[in-house]
Amino acid sequence: MSFDSHGSPRERRAVGTIERTGPAGPLDLLGRVPYGRLATSMRALPFLAVARHIVSDGRILLRMHRGFGHHEACDGSVVAYGADNYNDAASGDGGNLWSVQFTGPAEIVHLCPEQEELFGAAPVSVNGEPYAPAYLRVDPHFVTEHTLDF
C-alpha cells in the first residue's frame, strides 16, 4: 500500500498520510511494541540500528544512541523503520503475528522535555559506553504491513 502523492488519478493521498486499514492500523500496531529497527546506509554500507519509537501526529519519533553516528547518517536520507511482535511467538501465547515497515525521509529533531518523557527510561549504557540520546523524525511515505495468522 502506497501513501505518496502518486495515487490513481481519481484518488490522491497527501505525502505522509497513513489511513486506517482495519481494526488496528499500522501506527496502532507500532504502538504495541517499544523498539524496532532502523535501516539505511552509512558510507555506502547498509546497516540496521535498534531504536525506541513513539508515534506523534502521524509521524514516527525515534530515540537512538548518538555515539555511533547513525542518526547523522539518517538525517536528510530516506530510511526504513520496522517493528514486529515476533517475540510473542516465543512466549507461546498463540495469536497472530505482524510486522510493519515505514519508509520515508528522516531528520534530526530536538524534542521538548515533555516529548522526551514519552519515550520512558533510557538505557544506561550501550556496549559499555554511557548512553547519549539522539532523536529522529521519520515522515512515512510508504507503509508495508504483514500478518501471520495462526
Protein backbone atom coordinates (compact mmCIF):
# COMPACT_ATOMS: atom_id res chain seq x y z
CA MET A 1 0.00 0.00 0.00
CA SER A 2 1.45 3.33 -1.02
CA PHE A 3 0.92 6.59 0.77
CA ASP A 4 2.56 9.04 -1.57
CA SER A 5 1.04 11.66 -3.83
CA HIS A 6 1.26 9.42 -6.89
CA GLY A 7 -2.01 7.54 -6.36
CA SER A 8 -4.56 6.83 -9.02
CA PRO A 9 -5.95 9.85 -10.92
CA ARG A 10 -9.22 9.50 -9.01
CA GLU A 11 -7.67 9.16 -5.58
CA ARG A 12 -4.76 11.25 -4.39
CA ARG A 13 -3.26 10.95 -0.95
CA ALA A 14 -1.11 13.52 0.78
CA VAL A 15 2.52 12.62 1.37
CA GLY A 16 2.96 11.18 4.85
CA THR A 17 -0.72 10.39 5.37
CA ILE A 18 -1.47 6.97 6.79
CA GLU A 19 -5.03 5.77 6.71
CA ARG A 20 -6.50 3.07 8.90
CA THR A 21 -6.85 -0.24 7.04
CA GLY A 22 -8.62 -2.39 9.61
CA PRO A 23 -9.23 -2.80 13.32
CA ALA A 24 -5.57 -1.98 14.01
CA GLY A 25 -3.79 0.27 11.53
CA PRO A 26 -0.02 0.27 11.05
CA LEU A 27 0.59 3.07 13.54
CA ASP A 28 -1.63 1.32 16.11
CA LEU A 29 0.44 -1.85 15.69
CA LEU A 30 3.65 0.13 16.05
CA GLY A 31 2.37 1.50 19.35
CA ARG A 32 2.11 -2.05 20.74
CA VAL A 33 5.88 -2.60 20.87
CA PRO A 34 8.54 -0.20 22.19
CA TYR A 35 11.50 -0.98 19.90
CA GLY A 36 12.18 -1.53 16.22
CA ARG A 37 14.97 -1.48 13.67
CA LEU A 38 16.12 1.42 11.52
CA ALA A 39 17.71 0.60 8.15
CA THR A 40 19.77 2.91 5.95
CA SER A 41 23.34 3.13 4.74
CA MET A 42 26.46 4.77 6.09
CA ARG A 43 29.48 5.36 3.84
CA ALA A 44 27.79 3.18 1.16
CA LEU A 45 27.32 0.22 3.55
CA PRO A 46 23.85 -0.83 4.75
CA PHE A 47 23.19 -1.15 8.46
CA LEU A 48 20.43 -1.83 10.97
CA ALA A 49 20.20 0.03 14.25
CA VAL A 50 17.87 -0.55 17.16
CA ALA A 51 15.71 2.40 18.18
CA ARG A 52 12.96 3.22 20.65
CA HIS A 53 9.91 4.76 18.98
CA ILE A 54 6.75 6.70 19.70
CA VAL A 55 4.07 7.95 17.31
CA SER A 56 3.29 11.66 17.32
CA ASP A 57 0.96 13.46 14.87
CA GLY A 58 1.18 10.63 12.33
CA ARG A 59 4.97 10.66 12.34
CA ILE A 60 7.41 8.31 13.97
CA LEU A 61 9.85 9.72 16.51
CA LEU A 62 12.93 7.63 17.23
CA ARG A 63 15.42 7.69 20.07
CA MET A 64 18.76 6.07 19.42
CA HIS A 65 22.32 6.17 20.73
CA ARG A 66 24.23 9.19 19.44
CA GLY A 67 27.64 7.59 19.97
CA PHE A 68 27.60 5.53 16.75
CA GLY A 69 26.69 8.47 14.50
CA HIS A 70 23.79 6.56 12.93
CA HIS A 71 21.45 9.49 13.43
CA GLU A 72 23.74 11.70 11.34
CA ALA A 73 23.78 9.12 8.52
CA CYS A 74 19.96 9.17 8.53
CA ASP A 75 19.50 12.94 8.61
CA GLY A 76 18.02 14.04 5.28
CA SER A 77 18.02 10.49 3.89
CA VAL A 78 15.22 8.07 3.13
CA VAL A 79 15.20 5.31 5.74
CA ALA A 80 13.15 2.25 6.56
CA TYR A 81 11.90 1.63 10.08
CA GLY A 82 10.28 -1.64 11.06
CA ALA A 83 8.88 -3.32 14.12
CA ASP A 84 7.06 -6.55 14.84
CA ASN A 85 5.62 -8.70 17.59
CA TYR A 86 7.56 -11.84 16.59
CA ASN A 87 8.86 -12.25 20.13
CA ASP A 88 5.28 -13.09 21.12
CA ALA A 89 5.70 -16.42 19.29
CA ALA A 90 8.44 -17.40 21.75
CA SER A 91 6.11 -16.86 24.69
CA GLY A 92 3.67 -19.48 23.37
CA ASP A 93 0.65 -17.23 23.87
CA GLY A 94 -0.61 -18.04 20.39
CA GLY A 95 -2.40 -15.37 18.44
CA ASN A 96 -1.44 -13.61 15.25
CA LEU A 97 1.93 -12.15 14.45
CA TRP A 98 2.51 -8.95 12.50
CA SER A 99 5.25 -6.72 11.16
CA VAL A 100 5.10 -3.15 9.88
CA GLN A 101 7.65 -1.19 7.90
CA PHE A 102 7.62 2.53 7.24
CA THR A 103 9.77 4.18 4.57
CA GLY A 104 10.34 7.91 4.28
CA PRO A 105 12.71 10.80 4.92
CA ALA A 106 14.30 11.19 8.34
CA GLU A 107 15.56 14.29 10.05
CA ILE A 108 17.28 15.02 13.33
CA VAL A 109 14.92 16.75 15.75
CA HIS A 110 15.31 18.36 19.16
CA LEU A 111 12.43 17.43 21.43
CA CYS A 112 10.96 19.32 24.32
CA PRO A 113 11.24 17.65 27.76
CA GLU A 114 7.59 16.53 27.62
CA GLN A 115 8.19 14.65 24.36
CA GLU A 116 11.40 13.10 25.70
CA GLU A 117 9.46 11.76 28.69
CA LEU A 118 7.11 9.85 26.36
CA PHE A 119 9.99 7.54 25.46
CA GLY A 120 10.34 6.33 29.05
CA ALA A 121 13.58 5.33 30.71
CA ALA A 122 16.69 5.33 28.52
CA PRO A 123 19.38 2.66 28.63
CA VAL A 124 22.27 3.38 30.96
CA SER A 125 24.94 2.24 28.52
CA VAL A 126 25.49 0.89 25.01
CA ASN A 127 28.35 -1.56 24.53
CA GLY A 128 29.80 -0.35 27.83
CA GLU A 129 29.71 3.34 26.89
CA PRO A 130 27.33 5.86 28.52
CA TYR A 131 24.09 6.21 26.56
CA ALA A 132 23.60 9.57 24.84
CA PRO A 133 20.23 10.02 23.10
CA ALA A 134 19.69 11.38 19.61
CA TYR A 135 16.23 11.88 18.12
CA LEU A 136 14.97 11.44 14.57
CA ARG A 137 11.59 12.05 12.99
CA VAL A 138 10.51 9.76 10.15
CA ASP A 139 7.76 11.03 7.86
CA PRO A 140 6.30 7.78 6.48
CA HIS A 141 5.56 7.84 2.76
CA PHE A 142 5.22 4.09 2.20
CA VAL A 143 3.89 1.51 4.62
CA THR A 144 4.07 -2.27 4.48
CA GLU A 145 2.11 -4.45 6.89
CA HIS A 146 2.29 -8.24 7.05
CA THR A 147 0.38 -10.64 9.31
CA LEU A 148 0.87 -14.29 10.12
CA ASP A 149 -2.43 -15.83 11.21
CA PHE A 150 -2.46 -18.94 13.39
